[in-house]
Amino acid sequence: MSVNPVLARAGALQAADRFEESKAVLAPHLAGEPDDDWAWQLLAVAHERLGEYEPAARAATEMLRISPGHVGALILLSRVLLCLGRQPEARAAAEEAVRRAPDKWSSHYALSGVLIAHATAPPADHEQAYDAAREAVRLAPHEPDAHKALCFAAVRTQRQDVAKQALVEWLRLDPSNETAQAMYTDAMAGGPDVTAAQAAEMYSAGLAGAPQSAMLRSGLDEATYRLLRGTRWLALACLAAAGVMIDLFATSKDPTLRELPVPLGNRVWVLMVMAAVWGFGALFRYSRMRRGVQLNIRSLVRRGRWSRIAVAQAAWTMLCALLISQVPWTDRSMPEALFWAGLVVPVSTMLYDRRKAG
């Protein structure tokens, strides 16, 4: 059977991602042959890929008018109706596709996608989505999208082990898929024993392979914010060292206070300790980080309000530590005031700002 040259050209244009040109080719053809179901399907696909969901739904409906119960058209219609927020109609189309083609994995894939689209859907819907995804994997274990559906449905139903297995299989079958790469990186970086620096490195490496991933960018920002929050602990360590030097922590067991002002040698020694704290705790680690992490640290300080607050608090505490340790005080009242000022400012937000965005 010969293929209509117009449809062949439209299909070739779509294979080259030239969907606008494909629409221009199909429009006059459909004007002359309005009952060409294959042309309607090509037009629906073109509209869908361009994000034109209303015209895509109309084209899929036309195809179903010509070929009632066409499974491919039902699946396509389900997808575009879901994008339009018409979930009940999308579900009905996907369920009809499963009823007509229970042995076709893409029918179960479409149904699972509809049922897990909303996190607020009833738990029974999520369970049904999980069962549909498992059926899709059973019917087509070689299809990456089947494992993708199982991964998403397992996450919705709190089956984390199944989700991880499905994700690994999805990535094995489609190693270039940016969504799978991003999810895998996010899962690894979110482990309980992963430090902020390690997480930032993972997200930065993941972004090298999936630069458009909003998930990885968000994860990198979160890890970077954790790094910036950590600078306050370095400043507090320096503040404690300054307090020890000037005997602000005298106790009943050791009530003797050293004579003020503190000798220059002691002040220089504490300054060296502070330099070592920042050198090994921040600068050395920073110099060994990926370039992407370094750039994101600077970027997040510019655009993140809470990141700027954390850095400002660390700077304030360090200023207090330096004033306590380097000024030759003859009375302890002022150093004590500086110590408490340097302590209260960062501690005032440390208990709750970890839940803030960077």
Protein backbone atom coordinates (compact mmCIF):
# COMPACT_ATOMS: atom_id res chain seq x y z
CA MET A 1 0.00 0.00 0.00
CA SER A 2 1.50 3.35 -1.10
CA VAL A 3 1.89 6.15 1.43
CA ASN A 4 0.36 9.51 0.62
CA PRO A 5 3.30 11.83 -0.24
CA VAL A 6 1.78 14.65 1.82
CA LEU A 7 1.60 12.46 4.91
CA ALA A 8 5.09 11.12 4.25
CA ARG A 9 6.43 14.69 4.09
CA ALA A 10 4.58 15.69 7.26
CA GLY A 11 5.96 12.66 9.07
CA ALA A 12 9.50 13.43 7.89
CA LEU A 13 9.16 17.03 9.10
CA GLN A 14 8.01 15.81 12.52
CA ALA A 15 10.93 13.39 12.69
CA ALA A 16 13.16 16.45 12.26
CA ASP A 17 11.23 18.36 15.01
CA ARG A 18 9.84 20.81 12.44
CA PHE A 19 6.30 20.73 13.75
CA GLU A 20 5.17 24.15 12.52
CA GLU A 21 6.08 23.19 8.96
CA SER A 22 4.32 19.87 9.45
CA LYS A 23 1.12 21.70 10.41
CA ALA A 24 1.38 23.87 7.31
CA VAL A 25 1.65 20.75 5.14
CA LEU A 26 -1.28 18.97 6.81
CA ALA A 27 -3.77 21.88 6.84
CA PRO A 28 -4.54 21.98 3.09
CA HIS A 29 -4.53 18.19 2.93
CA LEU A 30 -7.19 17.94 5.65
CA ALA A 31 -9.24 20.67 4.00
CA GLY A 32 -9.55 18.39 0.98
CA GLU A 33 -9.69 15.08 2.87
CA PRO A 34 -11.30 15.70 6.27
CA ASP A 35 -11.74 11.98 6.94
CA ASP A 36 -8.06 11.07 6.78
CA ASP A 37 -7.52 9.70 10.30
CA TRP A 38 -3.75 9.38 9.95
CA ALA A 39 -3.47 13.05 8.96
CA TRP A 40 -5.49 14.02 12.04
CA GLN A 41 -3.15 11.98 14.22
CA LEU A 42 -0.10 13.68 12.74
CA LEU A 43 -1.72 17.06 13.28
CA ALA A 44 -2.59 16.19 16.88
CA VAL A 45 1.01 15.15 17.56
CA ALA A 46 2.32 18.39 16.02
CA HIS A 47 0.01 20.51 18.18
CA GLU A 48 0.93 18.53 21.30
CA ARG A 49 4.67 18.88 20.76
CA LEU A 50 4.22 22.63 20.31
CA GLY A 51 2.25 22.90 23.56
CA GLU A 52 -0.99 23.71 21.73
CA TYR A 53 -3.18 21.38 23.74
CA GLU A 54 -6.65 22.63 22.77
CA PRO A 55 -6.04 22.13 19.02
CA ALA A 56 -4.34 18.80 19.82
CA ALA A 57 -7.45 17.64 21.70
CA ARG A 58 -9.68 18.67 18.79
CA ALA A 59 -7.48 16.82 16.29
CA ALA A 60 -7.46 13.67 18.44
CA THR A 61 -11.24 13.90 18.79
CA GLU A 62 -11.55 14.13 14.99
CA MET A 63 -9.46 11.02 14.65
CA LEU A 64 -11.72 9.19 17.09
CA ARG A 65 -14.75 10.37 15.09
CA ILE A 66 -13.29 8.70 12.03
CA SER A 67 -11.85 5.67 13.82
CA PRO A 68 -13.88 5.11 17.00
CA GLY A 69 -11.91 3.39 19.75
CA HIS A 70 -8.51 3.95 18.11
CA VAL A 71 -6.13 3.22 21.01
CA GLY A 72 -3.38 5.56 19.86
CA ALA A 73 -5.84 8.44 19.60
CA LEU A 74 -7.27 7.65 23.04
CA ILE A 75 -3.79 7.69 24.60
CA LEU A 76 -2.91 10.95 22.86
CA LEU A 77 -6.22 12.51 23.88
CA SER A 78 -5.63 11.44 27.48
CA ARG A 79 -2.25 13.18 27.52
CA VAL A 80 -3.46 16.50 26.12
CA LEU A 81 -6.60 16.56 28.26
CA LEU A 82 -4.41 16.08 31.33
CA CYS A 83 -2.28 19.04 30.24
CA LEU A 84 -5.48 21.07 29.93
CA GLY A 85 -6.46 20.20 33.50
CA ARG A 86 -9.41 18.07 32.40
CA GLN A 87 -8.45 15.14 34.59
CA PRO A 88 -11.77 13.23 34.63
CA GLU A 89 -11.92 13.23 30.82
CA ALA A 90 -8.26 12.29 30.59
CA ARG A 91 -8.85 9.39 32.95
CA ALA A 92 -11.88 8.22 30.98
CA ALA A 93 -9.84 8.22 27.75
CA ALA A 94 -6.97 6.28 29.37
CA GLU A 95 -9.34 3.75 30.93
CA GLU A 96 -11.00 3.24 27.55
CA ALA A 97 -7.57 2.63 25.99
CA VAL A 98 -6.84 -0.02 28.65
CA ARG A 99 -10.26 -1.62 28.08
CA ARG A 100 -9.72 -1.83 24.34
CA ALA A 101 -6.03 -2.83 24.46
CA PRO A 102 -5.19 -4.48 27.80
CA ASP A 103 -2.17 -6.14 26.18
CA LYS A 104 -0.64 -2.85 25.08
CA TRP A 105 1.84 -1.39 27.57
CA SER A 106 1.29 2.19 26.45
CA SER A 107 -2.36 2.00 27.54
CA HIS A 108 -1.36 1.14 31.10
CA TYR A 109 1.39 3.77 30.96
CA ALA A 110 -1.15 6.44 30.00
CA LEU A 111 -3.54 5.41 32.78
CA SER A 112 -0.77 5.43 35.39
CA GLY A 113 0.30 8.90 34.28
CA VAL A 114 -3.20 10.29 34.68
CA LEU A 115 -3.74 8.75 38.11
CA ILE A 116 -0.50 10.04 39.65
CA ALA A 117 -0.66 13.49 38.06
CA HIS A 118 -1.96 15.07 41.26
CA ALA A 119 -0.44 14.42 44.67
CA THR A 120 -3.81 15.20 46.30
CA ALA A 121 -5.62 12.41 44.47
CA PRO A 122 -7.15 9.67 46.67
CA PRO A 123 -4.69 6.96 47.79
CA ALA A 124 -6.76 4.40 45.88
CA ASP A 125 -5.97 6.23 42.63
CA HIS A 126 -2.25 6.15 43.40
CA GLU A 127 -2.47 2.43 44.15
CA GLN A 128 -4.25 1.88 40.85
CA ALA A 129 -1.56 3.91 39.11
CA TYR A 130 1.09 1.69 40.71
CA ASP A 131 -0.69 -1.46 39.51
CA ALA A 132 -1.00 -0.01 36.00
CA ALA A 133 2.70 0.87 35.93
CA ARG A 134 3.64 -2.63 37.07
CA GLU A 135 1.52 -4.06 34.26
CA ALA A 136 3.26 -1.76 31.76
CA VAL A 137 6.65 -3.05 32.97
CA ARG A 138 5.44 -6.65 32.74
CA LEU A 139 4.25 -6.16 29.18
CA ALA A 140 7.29 -4.18 28.03
CA PRO A 141 10.29 -4.60 30.34
CA HIS A 142 12.52 -3.15 27.61
CA GLU A 143 10.65 0.18 27.48
CA PRO A 144 12.25 3.01 29.51
CA ASP A 145 8.91 4.83 29.89
CA ALA A 146 7.36 1.79 31.56
CA HIS A 147 10.02 1.93 34.29
CA LYS A 148 9.59 5.70 34.45
CA ALA A 149 5.89 5.22 35.21
CA LEU A 150 6.71 2.63 37.88
CA CYS A 151 9.28 4.97 39.45
CA PHE A 152 6.80 7.85 39.71
CA ALA A 153 3.96 5.65 40.95
CA ALA A 154 6.22 4.02 43.56
CA VAL A 155 7.21 7.45 44.86
CA ARG A 156 3.55 8.44 45.14
CA THR A 157 2.75 5.26 47.08
CA GLN A 158 5.79 5.54 49.38
CA ARG A 159 7.52 2.46 47.96
CA GLN A 160 10.99 3.99 47.98
CA ASP A 161 12.90 0.74 47.34
CA VAL A 162 10.77 0.00 44.27
CA ALA A 163 11.21 3.60 43.09
CA LYS A 164 15.00 3.32 43.32
CA GLN A 165 15.03 0.01 41.46
CA ALA A 166 12.78 1.39 38.73
CA LEU A 167 14.91 4.52 38.46
CA VAL A 168 18.10 2.49 38.02
CA GLU A 169 16.43 0.38 35.33
CA TRP A 170 15.01 3.45 33.60
CA LEU A 171 18.46 5.04 33.53
CA ARG A 172 20.05 1.82 32.28
CA LEU A 173 17.64 1.65 29.35
CA ASP A 174 17.81 5.38 28.60
CA PRO A 175 21.12 6.71 29.98
CA SER A 176 20.78 10.06 28.19
CA ASN A 177 17.39 10.90 29.72
CA GLU A 178 17.87 14.13 31.65
CA THR A 179 14.91 13.54 33.97
CA ALA A 180 16.24 10.13 34.98
CA GLN A 181 19.74 11.56 35.46
CA ALA A 182 18.36 14.37 37.61
CA MET A 183 16.27 12.03 39.77
CA TYR A 184 19.19 9.66 40.28
CA THR A 185 21.51 12.49 41.27
CA ASP A 186 18.89 13.90 43.63
CA ALA A 187 18.40 10.50 45.24
CA MET A 188 22.13 10.02 45.76
CA ALA A 189 22.70 13.57 47.04
CA GLY A 190 19.79 13.27 49.46
CA GLY A 191 21.29 10.31 51.32
CA PRO A 192 21.52 10.52 55.13
CA ASP A 193 25.33 10.39 55.22
CA VAL A 194 25.96 12.88 52.41
CA THR A 195 27.50 16.17 53.53
CA ALA A 196 26.55 19.53 52.07
CA ALA A 197 29.84 19.72 50.17
CA GLN A 198 29.39 16.23 48.73
CA ALA A 199 25.79 17.00 47.75
CA ALA A 200 26.85 20.21 46.03
CA GLU A 201 29.50 18.31 44.07
CA MET A 202 26.95 15.70 42.98
CA TYR A 203 24.42 18.28 41.86
CA SER A 204 27.07 20.24 39.99
CA ALA A 205 28.25 17.09 38.22
CA GLY A 206 24.65 16.21 37.39
CA LEU A 207 24.04 19.64 35.90
CA ALA A 208 26.94 19.09 33.53
CA GLY A 209 24.89 16.32 31.92
CA ALA A 210 21.44 17.91 32.36
CA PRO A 211 21.98 21.69 32.36
CA GLN A 212 18.27 22.51 32.04
CA SER A 213 17.15 20.45 35.04
CA ALA A 214 15.22 22.60 37.50
CA MET A 215 15.45 19.77 40.06
CA LEU A 216 19.25 19.75 39.97
CA ARG A 217 19.48 23.53 40.09
CA SER A 218 17.19 23.61 43.10
CA GLY A 219 19.21 20.83 44.76
CA LEU A 220 22.46 22.66 44.12
CA ASP A 221 21.03 25.84 45.63
CA GLU A 222 19.87 23.91 48.70
CA ALA A 223 23.27 22.25 49.17
CA THR A 224 25.04 25.58 48.65
CA TYR A 225 22.81 27.20 51.24
CA ARG A 226 23.77 24.47 53.71
CA LEU A 227 27.43 25.29 53.04
CA LEU A 228 26.84 28.99 53.66
CA ARG A 229 24.95 28.25 56.87
CA GLY A 230 27.95 26.23 58.01
CA THR A 231 30.23 29.27 57.89
CA ARG A 232 28.55 30.52 61.05
CA TRP A 233 29.92 27.55 62.99
CA LEU A 234 33.43 28.52 61.90
CA ALA A 235 32.82 32.06 63.11
CA LEU A 236 31.43 30.79 66.40
CA ALA A 237 34.54 28.62 66.89
CA CYS A 238 36.67 31.72 66.44
CA LEU A 239 34.46 33.62 68.87
CA ALA A 240 34.94 30.86 71.46
CA ALA A 241 38.71 30.98 70.94
CA ALA A 242 38.67 34.74 71.52
CA GLY A 243 36.62 34.28 74.68
CA VAL A 244 39.02 31.67 76.03
CA MET A 245 41.99 33.93 75.34
CA ILE A 246 40.60 36.77 77.42
CA ASP A 247 39.26 34.48 80.18
CA LEU A 248 35.58 35.18 79.66
CA PHE A 249 34.74 31.65 80.81
CA ALA A 250 36.24 31.66 84.30
CA THR A 251 34.61 29.09 86.59
CA SER A 252 34.67 28.28 90.29
CA LYS A 253 37.25 25.56 89.55
CA ASP A 254 39.51 28.07 87.80
CA PRO A 255 38.56 31.48 89.17
CA THR A 256 41.88 33.16 88.42
CA LEU A 257 41.67 35.68 85.58
CA ARG A 258 44.73 36.60 83.61
CA GLU A 259 45.92 40.15 83.81
CA LEU A 260 44.78 42.56 81.09
CA PRO A 261 45.74 43.60 78.52
CA VAL A 262 46.54 40.19 77.01
CA PRO A 263 50.14 40.06 75.71
CA LEU A 264 50.67 40.63 71.99
CA GLY A 265 52.02 37.10 71.52
CA ASN A 266 48.76 35.58 72.80
CA ARG A 267 46.72 37.81 70.52
CA VAL A 268 48.80 36.83 67.49
CA TRP A 269 48.52 33.15 68.43
CA VAL A 270 44.70 33.33 68.56
CA LEU A 271 44.71 35.16 65.23
CA MET A 272 46.69 32.27 63.73
CA VAL A 273 44.16 29.80 65.17
CA MET A 274 41.33 31.76 63.54
CA ALA A 275 43.20 31.83 60.23
CA ALA A 276 43.65 28.05 60.44
CA VAL A 277 39.93 27.54 61.19
CA TRP A 278 38.92 29.51 58.09
CA GLY A 279 41.79 28.25 55.97
CA PHE A 280 41.03 24.56 56.46
CA GLY A 281 37.32 24.88 57.21
CA ALA A 282 36.40 27.10 54.27
CA LEU A 283 39.11 28.32 51.88
CA PHE A 284 40.84 24.96 51.39
CA ARG A 285 37.52 23.17 50.83
CA TYR A 286 36.32 25.94 48.53
CA SER A 287 39.45 25.72 46.37
CA ARG A 288 38.91 21.97 45.89
CA MET A 289 35.26 22.27 44.84
CA ARG A 290 34.08 22.06 41.26
CA ARG A 291 34.00 25.33 39.39
CA GLY A 292 30.22 25.05 39.14
CA VAL A 293 29.86 24.90 42.93
CA GLN A 294 32.17 27.89 43.38
CA LEU A 295 30.16 29.95 40.91
CA ASN A 296 26.90 28.94 42.54
CA ILE A 297 28.14 30.00 45.98
CA ARG A 298 28.76 33.50 44.64
CA SER A 299 25.51 33.51 42.72
CA LEU A 300 23.40 32.37 45.67
CA VAL A 301 24.89 35.05 47.92
CA ARG A 302 23.79 37.66 45.36
CA ARG A 303 20.26 36.36 44.83
CA GLY A 304 19.34 34.54 48.04
CA ARG A 305 18.13 36.65 50.97
CA TRP A 306 18.74 33.98 53.61
CA SER A 307 22.14 33.19 52.15
CA ARG A 308 23.13 36.82 52.55
CA ILE A 309 21.79 36.77 56.12
CA ALA A 310 23.89 33.69 56.98
CA VAL A 311 27.05 35.24 55.50
CA ALA A 312 26.37 38.56 57.24
CA GLN A 313 25.91 36.76 60.57
CA ALA A 314 29.21 34.91 60.12
CA ALA A 315 30.93 38.20 59.25
CA TRP A 316 29.43 39.93 62.30
CA THR A 317 30.51 37.14 64.64
CA MET A 318 34.03 37.22 63.17
CA LEU A 319 34.19 40.97 63.65
CA CYS A 320 33.27 40.53 67.31
CA ALA A 321 35.89 37.77 67.67
CA LEU A 322 38.58 39.96 66.14
CA LEU A 323 37.68 42.94 68.31
CA ILE A 324 37.77 40.78 71.44
CA SER A 325 41.09 39.18 70.60
CA GLN A 326 43.08 41.93 68.90
CA VAL A 327 42.22 45.06 70.88
CA PRO A 328 44.38 45.37 74.05
CA TRP A 329 41.46 45.64 76.45
CA THR A 330 42.11 46.71 80.04
CA ASP A 331 38.58 45.82 81.22
CA ARG A 332 36.43 42.77 80.49
CA SER A 333 33.03 44.47 80.30
CA MET A 334 33.34 45.47 76.66
CA PRO A 335 34.72 42.08 75.47
CA GLU A 336 31.86 40.37 77.31
CA ALA A 337 29.33 42.58 75.52
CA LEU A 338 31.00 41.84 72.17
CA PHE A 339 31.02 38.11 72.92
CA TRP A 340 27.28 37.99 73.60
CA ALA A 341 26.54 40.19 70.60
CA GLY A 342 28.56 37.85 68.38
CA LEU A 343 26.79 34.82 69.84
CA VAL A 344 23.19 36.01 69.87
CA VAL A 345 23.03 37.30 66.28
CA PRO A 346 23.70 33.94 64.51
CA VAL A 347 22.01 31.75 67.14
CA SER A 348 18.82 33.84 66.87
CA THR A 349 18.01 32.30 63.46
CA MET A 350 19.98 29.04 63.42
CA LEU A 351 17.15 27.04 64.95
CA TYR A 352 14.69 27.66 62.14
CA ASP A 353 16.42 29.08 59.06
CA ARG A 354 17.46 25.63 57.81
CA ARG A 355 13.90 25.33 56.48
CA LYS A 356 14.24 28.55 54.52
CA ALA A 357 15.12 28.75 50.85
CA GLY A 358 18.62 30.02 50.10
